[in-house]
């Protein structure tokens, strides 16, 4: 059907429409326009209700060479950016099949904007130039992107608001993002298929995101003064010396946002960046960067649901196999990663996500020196869900890792009862333990067999201004069978816990002790009151984590039940 005929009835119907509502009905299936809410019409390609503008229609055909191109069907623009710059108020841009070598910027504007591939079977391809970070940068409210394919860049789609004003609305639906790679752009840059930054109510749905790789960390630098070195020893988070970790790679990264959603997306082949390079005597290689299917940073009231996440890995720590180099720890791999940096990361809902094949990065290699222990970096673990400090107050429901349920119970109905199936696969459902319960008063948890869990490895130590200042390797984290946090009047019964291992300590530079291995803990009660525990912990099968090298530290302990 000729596109002028196909859209003529839509234009006629929309001429008298009131302002369009936010596109909450994008996924509502339809047969004709009568099935859709006011302000929506039925897209006859994918049979879904789409928000369409009242009168503005612009068309784009790749490489079009038409005199007096004005974006009409007869005189289409050759570039999508031409149409974006020409769009006024509420407008729809229909992008024809083919490849467009450009990066788009949608600046602040009035009204709503829809940019959509014109045909369902062959979405147009946006090939991002190598010197551009963002394939599509959106800085305007209420922009919808549908049926587009983006290749290259550090971020395929970037919805960017400001710290003092969140971007409102917006939707990326049925887009394909492939080959996000920060390496050709800015060193030390994170990479994400879709990045939502300071947004409210923005949605990502039915997207296919693959091959995301973050950049390498910045190289080693000495502290310029004793004062700088002392600061690093006191507080490593404020340290500007040493070697920087690899950058974060994520399929979808949502930062400082509220009310957003990532639903029914397919995310695969995501890798954190490798650690920064150490090249001189006694330096420590950078840790590998985080690799995550979906990462939430200081984000609240968002919904992460129905996503299929596979083949996610943390970046590798740097090492040269050199006797004078201390290997960096591998980066964490996680299907879903929640982190609170300065607040937030609360009341998010993580439901019905299927996660497979997640692994941590490999520790950097090192050699023996004078018969002493080698200083290779610790290889990191992979987790279905990684819950950072101050990010425990989030809701999880029906998520799986390699076919095993992820049991993380927060704010359960008071005095409720939960009965668990056996959890014995060699997977780490969360970084906090095989089973986690948070702030659920009166919960009665009846567990079964719980086995095969390993704690997170510690970070490598560094020296900052030879030979006076430095830190040893950091401790490995505990391996935990069941962890209860701030639970009152709870009970845990019926469990049989075995094969729990603490995380390995981080390596220490020459002259500094390697990190202590993490403890292996059967049941860990943190801030709990009047909580009873009745089950079995098979202590001979538990193992404390190995100490980190260079100078020998000590292994972690085996603890049946720990309370603090």
Protein backbone atom coordinates (compact mmCIF):
# COMPACT_ATOMS: atom_id res chain seq x y z
CA UNK A 1 0.00 0.00 0.00
CA UNK A 2 1.35 3.44 -0.87
CA UNK A 3 2.41 5.18 2.30
CA UNK A 4 0.50 8.37 1.45
CA UNK A 5 -2.71 6.36 1.29
CA UNK A 6 -1.82 4.34 4.36
CA UNK A 7 -1.33 7.37 6.58
CA UNK A 8 -3.92 9.72 5.08
CA UNK A 9 -6.72 8.46 7.32
CA UNK A 10 -4.42 8.81 10.36
CA UNK A 11 -3.68 12.43 9.52
CA UNK A 12 -7.37 13.20 9.05
CA UNK A 13 -8.29 11.63 12.38
CA UNK A 14 -5.52 13.37 14.28
CA UNK A 15 -6.11 16.90 13.03
CA UNK A 16 -8.74 17.45 15.68
CA UNK A 17 -7.04 15.52 18.51
CA UNK A 18 -6.20 17.06 21.85
CA UNK A 19 -2.65 16.90 23.21
CA UNK A 20 -1.31 13.38 23.08
CA UNK A 21 -0.99 11.46 26.37
CA UNK A 22 2.24 9.79 27.42
CA UNK A 23 2.55 6.53 25.38
CA UNK A 24 1.52 4.08 28.06
CA UNK A 25 -0.35 1.89 25.56
CA UNK A 26 2.56 1.12 23.25
CA UNK A 27 2.33 -2.63 23.84
CA UNK A 28 -1.45 -2.85 23.61
CA UNK A 29 -2.32 -5.10 20.64
CA UNK A 30 -4.96 -3.98 18.18
CA UNK A 31 -6.67 -4.82 14.91
CA UNK A 32 -7.83 -1.34 13.92
CA UNK A 33 -7.94 2.21 15.28
CA UNK A 34 -11.09 1.59 17.30
CA UNK A 35 -9.10 -0.71 19.60
CA UNK A 36 -6.81 2.08 20.77
CA UNK A 37 -7.22 4.80 23.38
CA UNK A 38 -7.65 8.43 22.50
CA UNK A 39 -4.47 9.85 20.99
CA UNK A 40 -3.35 6.46 19.64
CA UNK A 41 -3.82 4.72 16.32
CA UNK A 42 -3.22 1.12 15.26
CA UNK A 43 0.10 0.56 13.49
CA UNK A 44 -0.79 -1.91 10.74
CA UNK A 45 2.75 -3.35 10.72
CA UNK A 46 3.11 -4.60 14.29
CA UNK A 47 -0.58 -4.35 15.30
CA UNK A 48 0.14 -2.19 18.33
CA UNK A 49 -1.33 1.11 19.48
CA UNK A 50 1.17 3.89 18.84
CA UNK A 51 1.08 7.58 19.78
CA UNK A 52 1.02 9.57 16.56
CA UNK A 53 1.28 13.28 16.04
CA UNK A 54 -1.61 15.48 15.01
CA UNK A 55 -0.45 16.75 11.65
CA UNK A 56 3.33 16.71 11.32
CA UNK A 57 4.60 13.83 9.13
CA UNK A 58 8.19 13.69 7.93
CA UNK A 59 9.85 11.00 5.82
CA UNK A 60 13.48 9.95 5.43
CA UNK A 61 15.13 7.82 2.75
CA UNK A 62 18.88 7.07 2.95
CA UNK A 63 20.93 8.99 0.42
CA UNK A 64 17.88 10.64 -1.09
CA UNK A 65 18.90 13.31 -3.61
CA UNK A 66 15.77 15.27 -4.23
CA UNK A 67 15.86 18.96 -5.07
CA UNK A 68 14.10 20.97 -2.41
CA UNK A 69 13.84 18.06 0.06
CA UNK A 70 11.27 19.02 2.72
CA UNK A 71 10.53 15.69 4.40
CA UNK A 72 7.33 15.04 2.50
CA UNK A 73 6.64 11.62 1.04
CA UNK A 74 7.65 12.88 -2.44
CA UNK A 75 10.72 14.82 -1.24
CA UNK A 76 12.14 12.86 1.73
CA UNK A 77 15.16 13.97 3.73
CA UNK A 78 18.41 12.00 3.19
CA UNK A 79 19.35 12.03 6.91
CA UNK A 80 17.30 11.38 10.03
CA UNK A 81 18.89 14.40 11.72
CA UNK A 82 17.42 16.61 8.94
CA UNK A 83 13.95 15.45 9.93
CA UNK A 84 14.62 15.82 13.68
CA UNK A 85 15.78 19.41 13.14
CA UNK A 86 12.71 20.21 11.05
CA UNK A 87 10.13 18.64 13.38
CA UNK A 88 7.86 21.08 15.19
CA UNK A 89 5.47 20.49 18.09
CA UNK A 90 4.00 16.96 17.92
CA UNK A 91 5.59 15.16 15.00
CA UNK A 92 6.15 11.66 13.57
CA UNK A 93 9.25 10.79 11.54
CA UNK A 94 9.08 7.70 9.32
CA UNK A 95 12.51 6.31 8.50
CA UNK A 96 12.87 4.19 5.37
CA UNK A 97 14.91 1.01 5.04
CA UNK A 98 18.66 1.26 4.57
CA UNK A 99 21.78 2.43 6.40
CA UNK A 100 22.31 5.89 7.81
CA UNK A 101 25.86 6.86 8.76
CA UNK A 102 25.14 9.44 11.41
CA UNK A 103 24.59 10.06 15.11
CA UNK A 104 21.36 11.76 16.18
CA UNK A 105 20.73 14.44 18.78
CA UNK A 106 17.20 15.34 19.83
CA UNK A 107 17.57 18.62 21.70
CA UNK A 108 15.05 20.22 24.02
CA UNK A 109 11.86 20.94 22.07
CA UNK A 110 8.15 21.45 22.42
CA UNK A 111 5.63 18.69 21.92
CA UNK A 112 6.11 14.96 21.46
CA UNK A 113 8.25 13.23 18.87
CA UNK A 114 8.01 9.75 17.35
CA UNK A 115 10.91 8.37 15.29
CA UNK A 116 10.03 4.99 13.82
CA UNK A 117 11.20 2.60 11.16
CA UNK A 118 8.71 2.71 8.34
CA UNK A 119 8.62 -1.06 7.78
CA UNK A 120 8.36 -3.84 10.34
CA UNK A 121 10.52 -6.48 8.65
CA UNK A 122 13.67 -4.45 7.95
CA UNK A 123 14.39 -1.72 10.51
CA UNK A 124 16.64 1.09 9.28
CA UNK A 125 20.26 0.88 10.49
CA UNK A 126 21.99 3.81 12.15
CA UNK A 127 25.75 3.27 11.79
CA UNK A 128 27.38 5.43 14.45
CA UNK A 129 30.62 7.20 13.43
CA UNK A 130 33.65 6.07 15.43
CA UNK A 131 34.23 9.49 16.98
CA UNK A 132 30.72 9.65 18.49
CA UNK A 133 29.77 8.35 21.94
CA UNK A 134 25.98 8.26 21.49
CA UNK A 135 24.07 6.70 18.62
CA UNK A 136 20.90 8.62 19.56
CA UNK A 137 21.15 11.30 22.26
CA UNK A 138 17.74 12.41 23.56
CA UNK A 139 17.57 15.59 25.64
CA UNK A 140 13.88 16.32 25.08
CA UNK A 141 10.79 15.12 26.92
CA UNK A 142 8.35 12.59 25.45
CA UNK A 143 10.44 11.13 22.62
CA UNK A 144 9.55 7.64 21.36
CA UNK A 145 11.97 5.52 19.29
CA UNK A 146 10.50 2.46 17.58
CA UNK A 147 11.85 -0.18 15.16
CA UNK A 148 15.35 1.23 14.72
CA UNK A 149 18.70 -0.58 14.62
CA UNK A 150 21.81 1.10 16.08
CA UNK A 151 25.35 -0.15 15.55
CA UNK A 152 28.50 1.22 17.20
CA UNK A 153 29.23 3.99 19.69
CA UNK A 154 29.57 3.72 23.45
CA UNK A 155 25.82 4.16 24.07
CA UNK A 156 23.26 3.05 21.52
CA UNK A 157 20.46 5.24 22.91
CA UNK A 158 21.04 7.84 25.63
CA UNK A 159 18.09 9.58 27.31
CA UNK A 160 19.80 12.38 29.26
CA UNK A 161 18.20 14.75 31.71
CA UNK A 162 19.89 16.99 34.27
CA UNK A 163 20.50 16.69 37.99
CA UNK A 164 18.16 19.63 38.59
CA UNK A 165 15.52 18.53 36.06
CA UNK A 166 14.70 14.98 35.08
CA UNK A 167 13.81 14.15 31.51
CA UNK A 168 10.12 13.24 31.35
CA UNK A 169 8.68 10.21 29.57
CA UNK A 170 10.23 8.72 26.48
CA UNK A 171 10.21 5.17 25.15
CA UNK A 172 12.63 2.94 23.26
CA UNK A 173 10.63 0.02 21.85
CA UNK A 174 11.51 -2.83 19.50
CA UNK A 175 14.95 -1.40 18.81
CA UNK A 176 18.02 -3.48 17.97
CA UNK A 177 21.37 -2.43 19.41
CA UNK A 178 24.54 -4.25 18.44
CA UNK A 179 28.24 -3.71 18.94
CA UNK A 180 28.42 -1.00 21.62
CA UNK A 181 32.13 -0.51 22.20
CA UNK A 182 33.59 2.34 24.24
CA UNK A 183 37.18 1.58 23.24
CA UNK A 184 37.23 3.63 20.01
CA UNK A 185 35.87 6.70 21.81
CA UNK A 186 36.94 8.12 25.19
CA UNK A 187 39.36 6.07 27.34
CA UNK A 188 37.80 5.21 30.68
CA UNK A 189 34.24 5.44 29.32
CA UNK A 190 31.35 3.23 30.43
CA UNK A 191 29.34 1.53 27.71
CA UNK A 192 25.63 0.68 27.56
CA UNK A 193 23.14 -0.40 24.94
CA UNK A 194 20.58 1.99 26.45
CA UNK A 195 21.50 4.63 29.04
CA UNK A 196 18.80 6.45 31.04
CA UNK A 197 20.29 9.30 33.05
CA UNK A 198 18.19 11.63 35.23
CA UNK A 199 14.89 10.51 33.74
CA UNK A 200 11.38 9.95 35.03
CA UNK A 201 8.96 7.40 33.58
CA UNK A 202 11.17 6.44 30.64
CA UNK A 203 10.58 2.96 29.18
CA UNK A 204 12.71 0.39 27.36
CA UNK A 205 10.75 -2.56 26.00
CA UNK A 206 11.10 -5.44 23.53
CA UNK A 207 14.63 -4.35 22.63
CA UNK A 208 17.40 -6.68 21.47
CA UNK A 209 20.79 -5.62 22.85
CA UNK A 210 24.00 -7.53 22.19
CA UNK A 211 27.79 -7.19 22.12
CA UNK A 212 28.40 -4.43 24.66
CA UNK A 213 32.02 -3.92 25.72
CA UNK A 214 33.31 -1.25 28.10
CA UNK A 215 36.64 0.57 27.84
CA UNK A 216 39.88 -0.24 29.62
CA UNK A 217 40.68 1.60 32.87
CA UNK A 218 43.22 4.41 32.89
CA UNK A 219 46.86 3.50 33.37
CA UNK A 220 48.88 3.54 36.58
CA UNK A 221 49.95 6.90 38.02
CA UNK A 222 52.10 7.62 41.09
CA UNK A 223 50.79 9.84 43.86
CA UNK A 224 52.46 13.24 43.42
CA UNK A 225 52.90 13.90 47.13
CA UNK A 226 52.91 12.19 50.50
CA UNK A 227 49.61 13.95 51.22
CA UNK A 228 48.01 12.33 48.17
CA UNK A 229 49.37 8.95 49.19
CA UNK A 230 48.11 9.32 52.77
CA UNK A 231 44.66 10.17 51.43
CA UNK A 232 44.68 6.96 49.38
CA UNK A 233 45.62 4.87 52.40
CA UNK A 234 42.82 6.43 54.49
CA UNK A 235 40.09 6.34 51.87
CA UNK A 236 40.66 4.45 48.65
CA UNK A 237 37.37 5.71 47.16
CA UNK A 238 38.78 9.26 47.02
CA UNK A 239 42.14 8.14 45.65
CA UNK A 240 43.36 9.53 42.34
CA UNK A 241 46.60 7.53 42.23
CA UNK A 242 47.33 3.91 41.45
CA UNK A 243 45.61 2.06 38.62
CA UNK A 244 42.00 2.57 37.65
CA UNK A 245 39.56 -0.32 37.19
CA UNK A 246 38.05 -1.17 33.86
CA UNK A 247 34.83 0.66 33.03
CA UNK A 248 31.29 -0.68 33.38
CA UNK A 249 29.54 -2.44 30.52
CA UNK A 250 25.74 -2.82 30.74
CA UNK A 251 22.94 -3.81 28.41
CA UNK A 252 20.68 -1.21 30.05
CA UNK A 253 22.05 1.31 32.55
CA UNK A 254 19.54 3.41 34.53
CA UNK A 255 21.09 6.14 36.70
CA UNK A 256 19.54 8.73 39.04
CA UNK A 257 16.08 8.03 37.66
CA UNK A 258 12.58 7.30 38.98
CA UNK A 259 9.58 5.37 37.73
CA UNK A 260 11.41 3.92 34.73
CA UNK A 261 10.97 0.43 33.30
CA UNK A 262 12.94 -2.17 31.34
CA UNK A 263 10.59 -4.93 30.21
CA UNK A 264 10.72 -7.90 27.85
CA UNK A 265 14.18 -7.10 26.51
CA UNK A 266 16.77 -9.58 25.24
CA UNK A 267 20.30 -8.75 26.45
CA UNK A 268 23.38 -10.82 25.63
CA UNK A 269 27.17 -10.73 25.35
CA UNK A 270 27.99 -7.91 27.77
CA UNK A 271 31.55 -7.51 29.10
CA UNK A 272 33.11 -5.07 31.58
CA UNK A 273 36.29 -3.27 30.56
CA UNK A 274 39.75 -4.70 31.38
CA UNK A 275 41.75 -3.16 34.23
CA UNK A 276 44.15 -0.29 33.61
CA UNK A 277 47.76 -1.04 32.70
CA UNK A 278 50.53 -1.29 35.29
CA UNK A 279 53.98 -1.25 33.73
CA UNK A 280 56.57 -0.60 36.44
CA UNK A 281 58.10 -2.21 39.51
CA UNK A 282 55.62 -3.28 42.20
CA UNK A 283 52.62 -1.67 40.55
CA UNK A 284 49.15 -3.22 40.77
CA UNK A 285 47.15 -3.91 37.63
CA UNK A 286 43.68 -2.41 37.49
CA UNK A 287 40.65 -4.48 38.49
CA UNK A 288 38.26 -5.56 35.78
CA UNK A 289 35.12 -3.48 35.27
CA UNK A 290 31.56 -4.51 36.12
CA UNK A 291 29.61 -6.38 33.46
CA UNK A 292 25.81 -6.27 33.96
CA UNK A 293 22.71 -7.08 31.95
CA UNK A 294 20.77 -4.29 33.71
CA UNK A 295 22.40 -1.86 36.14
CA UNK A 296 20.46 0.47 38.44
CA UNK A 297 22.46 3.31 39.99
CA UNK A 298 20.73 5.45 42.65
CA UNK A 299 17.42 4.70 41.00
CA UNK A 300 14.05 4.16 42.68
CA UNK A 301 10.52 2.88 41.88
CA UNK A 302 11.62 1.35 38.58
CA UNK A 303 10.37 -1.95 37.14
CA UNK A 304 12.76 -4.52 35.64
CA UNK A 305 10.58 -7.36 34.38
CA UNK A 306 10.51 -10.18 31.87
CA UNK A 307 14.02 -9.65 30.50
CA UNK A 308 16.14 -12.49 29.12
CA UNK A 309 19.79 -11.89 30.03
CA UNK A 310 22.65 -14.17 28.96
CA UNK A 311 26.43 -14.27 28.54
CA UNK A 312 27.45 -11.48 30.90
CA UNK A 313 30.99 -11.26 32.25
CA UNK A 314 33.08 -8.90 34.35
CA UNK A 315 36.23 -7.46 32.82
CA UNK A 316 39.60 -9.14 33.39
CA UNK A 317 42.11 -7.70 35.86
CA UNK A 318 45.35 -6.49 34.38
CA UNK A 319 48.55 -8.51 34.72
CA UNK A 320 51.66 -9.07 32.61
CA UNK A 321 52.90 -12.33 34.02
CA UNK A 322 55.78 -10.13 35.27
CA UNK A 323 57.39 -10.76 38.67
CA UNK A 324 57.25 -7.04 39.44
CA UNK A 325 53.53 -6.63 38.69
CA UNK A 326 50.73 -7.33 41.17
CA UNK A 327 47.73 -8.73 39.29
CA UNK A 328 44.37 -6.92 39.50
CA UNK A 329 41.17 -8.66 40.59
CA UNK A 330 38.61 -9.59 37.94
CA UNK A 331 35.41 -7.56 37.71
CA UNK A 332 32.00 -8.65 38.98
CA UNK A 333 29.57 -10.10 36.45
CA UNK A 334 25.85 -9.76 37.26
CA UNK A 335 22.58 -10.31 35.49
CA UNK A 336 21.09 -7.36 37.40
CA UNK A 337 23.20 -4.97 39.48
CA UNK A 338 21.78 -2.49 42.04
CA UNK A 339 24.00 0.20 43.48
CA UNK A 340 23.28 3.18 45.72
CA UNK A 341 25.75 6.04 45.31
CA UNK A 342 24.63 8.93 47.46
CA UNK A 343 21.10 7.60 47.98
CA UNK A 344 18.38 5.94 45.96
CA UNK A 345 18.23 2.32 44.72
CA UNK A 346 15.04 1.66 46.69
CA UNK A 347 11.57 0.29 45.99
CA UNK A 348 12.51 -1.06 42.56
CA UNK A 349 10.65 -4.18 41.38
CA UNK A 350 12.73 -6.94 39.82
CA UNK A 351 10.44 -9.69 38.52
CA UNK A 352 10.33 -12.65 36.12
CA UNK A 353 13.80 -12.12 34.66
CA UNK A 354 15.61 -15.12 33.18
CA UNK A 355 19.39 -14.97 33.64
CA UNK A 356 21.95 -17.46 32.30
CA UNK A 357 25.72 -17.77 31.90
CA UNK A 358 27.07 -15.03 34.16
CA UNK A 359 30.73 -15.01 35.20
CA UNK A 360 33.27 -12.77 36.91
CA UNK A 361 36.43 -11.55 35.23
CA UNK A 362 39.75 -13.39 35.40
CA UNK A 363 42.44 -12.08 37.76
CA UNK A 364 45.59 -10.59 36.24
CA UNK A 365 48.54 -13.04 35.97
CA UNK A 366 51.89 -12.73 37.80
CA UNK A 367 55.08 -14.77 38.30
CA UNK A 368 57.00 -16.09 41.29
CA UNK A 369 59.82 -13.92 42.60
CA UNK A 370 62.69 -15.33 44.69
CA UNK A 371 60.60 -18.31 45.70
CA UNK A 372 57.88 -16.16 47.25
CA UNK A 373 54.19 -16.66 46.57
CA UNK A 374 52.93 -15.45 43.26
CA UNK A 375 50.87 -12.25 43.12
CA UNK A 376 48.22 -13.08 40.59
CA UNK A 377 44.93 -11.24 40.93
CA UNK A 378 41.86 -13.04 42.24
CA UNK A 379 39.36 -14.30 39.70
CA UNK A 380 35.95 -12.83 40.49
CA UNK A 381 32.53 -14.44 40.80
CA UNK A 382 29.38 -13.97 38.76
CA UNK A 383 25.99 -13.35 40.41
CA UNK A 384 22.40 -13.48 39.22
CA UNK A 385 21.66 -10.33 41.20
CA UNK A 386 24.24 -8.05 42.82
CA UNK A 387 22.85 -5.88 45.63
CA UNK A 388 25.21 -3.11 46.68
CA UNK A 389 25.51 -1.49 50.06
CA UNK A 390 22.41 0.54 50.98
CA UNK A 391 20.47 -1.02 48.11
CA UNK A 392 18.80 -3.89 49.99
CA UNK A 393 15.27 -2.44 50.07
CA UNK A 394 14.08 -3.67 46.68
CA UNK A 395 11.47 -6.22 45.65
CA UNK A 396 12.35 -9.46 43.85
CA UNK A 397 9.91 -12.03 42.48
CA UNK A 398 10.24 -15.14 40.24
CA UNK A 399 13.73 -14.42 38.90
CA UNK A 400 16.03 -17.30 37.92
CA UNK A 401 19.74 -17.89 37.35
CA UNK A 402 20.62 -20.90 35.18
CA UNK A 403 17.22 -22.40 36.01
CA UNK A 404 17.45 -21.96 39.78
CA UNK A 405 15.20 -19.55 41.62
CA UNK A 406 16.72 -16.38 43.07
CA UNK A 407 15.38 -16.19 46.63
CA UNK A 408 15.52 -12.60 47.86
CA UNK A 409 12.61 -11.72 50.14
CA UNK A 410 12.09 -8.09 51.16
CA UNK A 411 9.20 -6.59 53.11
CA UNK A 412 7.11 -9.77 53.08
CA UNK A 413 3.60 -9.67 54.54
CA UNK A 414 4.03 -9.80 58.34
CA UNK A 415 3.86 -13.32 59.83
CA UNK A 416 3.71 -14.98 56.43
CA UNK A 417 5.14 -18.42 55.62
CA UNK A 418 7.48 -19.35 52.76
CA UNK A 419 8.58 -22.87 51.81
CA UNK A 420 11.57 -23.28 49.52
CA UNK A 421 12.59 -26.00 47.10
CA UNK A 422 16.14 -27.33 47.10
CA UNK A 423 18.77 -24.85 45.85
CA UNK A 424 21.83 -26.89 44.92
CA UNK A 425 23.03 -25.73 41.50
CA UNK A 426 26.55 -24.33 41.22
CA UNK A 427 25.37 -20.76 40.83
CA UNK A 428 25.47 -17.63 42.97
CA UNK A 429 21.92 -16.20 42.99
CA UNK A 430 22.97 -13.03 44.86
CA UNK A 431 26.20 -11.59 46.25
CA UNK A 432 24.69 -11.66 49.77
CA UNK A 433 24.06 -15.40 49.88
CA UNK A 434 22.15 -18.31 48.44
CA UNK A 435 18.98 -17.20 50.30
CA UNK A 436 18.40 -13.63 51.52
CA UNK A 437 15.59 -12.24 53.71
CA UNK A 438 15.38 -8.50 54.47
CA UNK A 439 13.07 -6.66 56.90
CA UNK A 440 10.26 -9.24 56.89
CA UNK A 441 8.85 -9.38 60.46
CA UNK A 442 7.46 -12.68 61.66
CA UNK A 443 8.43 -14.56 58.51
CA UNK A 444 8.44 -18.34 58.83
CA UNK A 445 10.94 -19.70 56.33
CA UNK A 446 11.06 -23.45 55.73
CA UNK A 447 14.10 -24.23 53.64
CA UNK A 448 15.47 -27.45 52.15
CA UNK A 449 18.89 -28.41 50.76
CA UNK A 450 21.11 -25.37 50.08
CA UNK A 451 24.52 -25.89 48.49
CA UNK A 452 27.23 -24.67 46.14
CA UNK A 453 27.82 -20.98 46.78
CA UNK A 454 31.01 -18.92 46.66
CA UNK A 455 31.58 -15.42 48.05
CA UNK A 456 32.93 -12.39 46.21
CA UNK A 457 36.71 -12.02 45.88
CA UNK A 458 38.53 -9.07 47.49
CA UNK A 459 40.23 -6.29 45.58
CA UNK A 460 44.00 -6.16 45.15
CA UNK A 461 46.06 -3.80 47.30
CA UNK A 462 48.28 -1.03 45.94
CA UNK A 463 51.30 1.01 46.86
CA UNK A 464 51.06 4.69 46.09
CA UNK A 465 54.43 6.36 46.78
CA UNK A 466 57.21 3.81 47.19
CA UNK A 467 58.21 2.62 49.69
CA UNK A 468 56.31 4.35 52.44
CA UNK A 469 52.65 4.24 51.47
CA UNK A 470 50.46 1.38 50.36
CA UNK A 471 47.69 -1.01 51.36
CA UNK A 472 47.53 -4.79 51.41
CA UNK A 473 44.96 -6.87 49.60
CA UNK A 474 41.35 -6.43 50.67
CA UNK A 475 39.45 -9.27 52.37
CA UNK A 476 37.32 -11.70 50.45
CA UNK A 477 33.63 -11.49 51.25
CA UNK A 478 31.72 -14.19 53.12
CA UNK A 479 30.08 -17.11 51.41
CA UNK A 480 26.64 -17.45 53.03
CA UNK A 481 23.97 -20.14 52.86
CA UNK A 482 21.10 -18.14 54.43
CA UNK A 483 21.35 -14.43 55.35
CA UNK A 484 18.68 -12.56 57.36
CA UNK A 485 18.91 -8.76 57.64
CA UNK A 486 16.94 -6.81 60.28
CA UNK A 487 14.33 -9.50 60.76
CA UNK A 488 12.27 -9.62 63.97
CA UNK A 489 10.39 -12.65 65.34
CA UNK A 490 11.40 -14.75 62.33
CA UNK A 491 12.13 -18.48 62.14
CA UNK A 492 14.24 -20.51 59.73
CA UNK A 493 13.82 -24.28 59.80
CA UNK A 494 14.34 -27.48 57.82
CA UNK A 495 17.53 -26.47 55.99
CA UNK A 496 20.59 -28.57 55.22
CA UNK A 497 23.47 -26.34 54.17
CA UNK A 498 26.68 -27.62 52.58
CA UNK A 499 29.45 -26.66 50.15
CA UNK A 500 29.64 -22.95 50.98
CA UNK A 501 32.96 -21.20 50.27
CA UNK A 502 34.24 -17.75 51.22
CA UNK A 503 35.65 -15.42 48.59
CA UNK A 504 39.38 -15.31 47.97
CA UNK A 505 41.33 -12.36 49.40
CA UNK A 506 42.80 -9.76 47.08
CA UNK A 507 46.51 -9.90 46.25
CA UNK A 508 48.90 -7.51 48.00
CA UNK A 509 51.87 -5.68 46.43
CA UNK A 510 55.41 -6.63 47.39
CA UNK A 511 55.90 -6.05 51.13
CA UNK A 512 52.17 -5.93 51.90
CA UNK A 513 49.98 -8.77 53.09
CA UNK A 514 47.41 -10.40 50.86
CA UNK A 515 43.77 -10.04 51.86
CA UNK A 516 42.18 -12.46 54.33
CA UNK A 517 39.93 -15.03 52.70
CA UNK A 518 36.19 -14.61 53.28
CA UNK A 519 34.46 -16.71 55.93
CA UNK A 520 32.11 -19.56 55.03
CA UNK A 521 28.92 -19.04 57.04
CA UNK A 522 25.96 -21.39 57.21
CA UNK A 523 23.41 -18.90 58.61
CA UNK A 524 24.16 -15.19 59.00
CA UNK A 525 21.87 -13.01 61.17
CA UNK A 526 22.45 -9.27 60.83
CA UNK A 527 20.54 -6.95 63.14
CA UNK A 528 17.87 -9.59 63.84
CA UNK A 529 15.82 -9.91 67.06
CA UNK A 530 13.97 -12.92 68.49
CA UNK A 531 14.84 -15.02 65.46
CA UNK A 532 15.11 -18.82 65.77
CA UNK A 533 17.20 -21.10 63.59
CA UNK A 534 16.72 -24.87 63.43
CA UNK A 535 18.46 -26.87 60.73
CA UNK A 536 21.72 -28.56 59.77
CA UNK A 537 25.01 -27.10 58.55
CA UNK A 538 27.44 -29.71 57.21
CA UNK A 539 30.58 -27.99 58.52
CA UNK A 540 33.17 -30.34 56.92
CA UNK A 541 31.94 -29.28 53.46
CA UNK A 542 32.30 -25.54 54.16
CA UNK A 543 35.58 -23.80 53.33
CA UNK A 544 36.94 -20.36 54.14
CA UNK A 545 38.23 -18.38 51.18
CA UNK A 546 41.93 -18.59 50.31
CA UNK A 547 44.20 -15.77 51.36
CA UNK A 548 45.39 -13.34 48.71
CA UNK A 549 49.04 -13.34 47.69
CA UNK A 550 51.92 -11.63 47.59
CA UNK A 551 53.05 -11.94 51.20
CA UNK A 552 50.93 -14.70 52.67
CA UNK A 553 47.81 -13.70 54.58
CA UNK A 554 45.37 -16.18 56.08
CA UNK A 555 42.36 -18.18 54.97
CA UNK A 556 38.80 -17.43 56.02
CA UNK A 557 37.02 -19.29 58.82
CA UNK A 558 34.16 -21.78 58.83
CA UNK A 559 31.20 -20.55 60.92
CA UNK A 560 27.99 -22.46 61.51
CA UNK A 561 25.93 -19.44 62.61
CA UNK A 562 27.00 -15.84 62.89
CA UNK A 563 25.09 -13.05 64.63
CA UNK A 564 25.89 -9.36 64.70
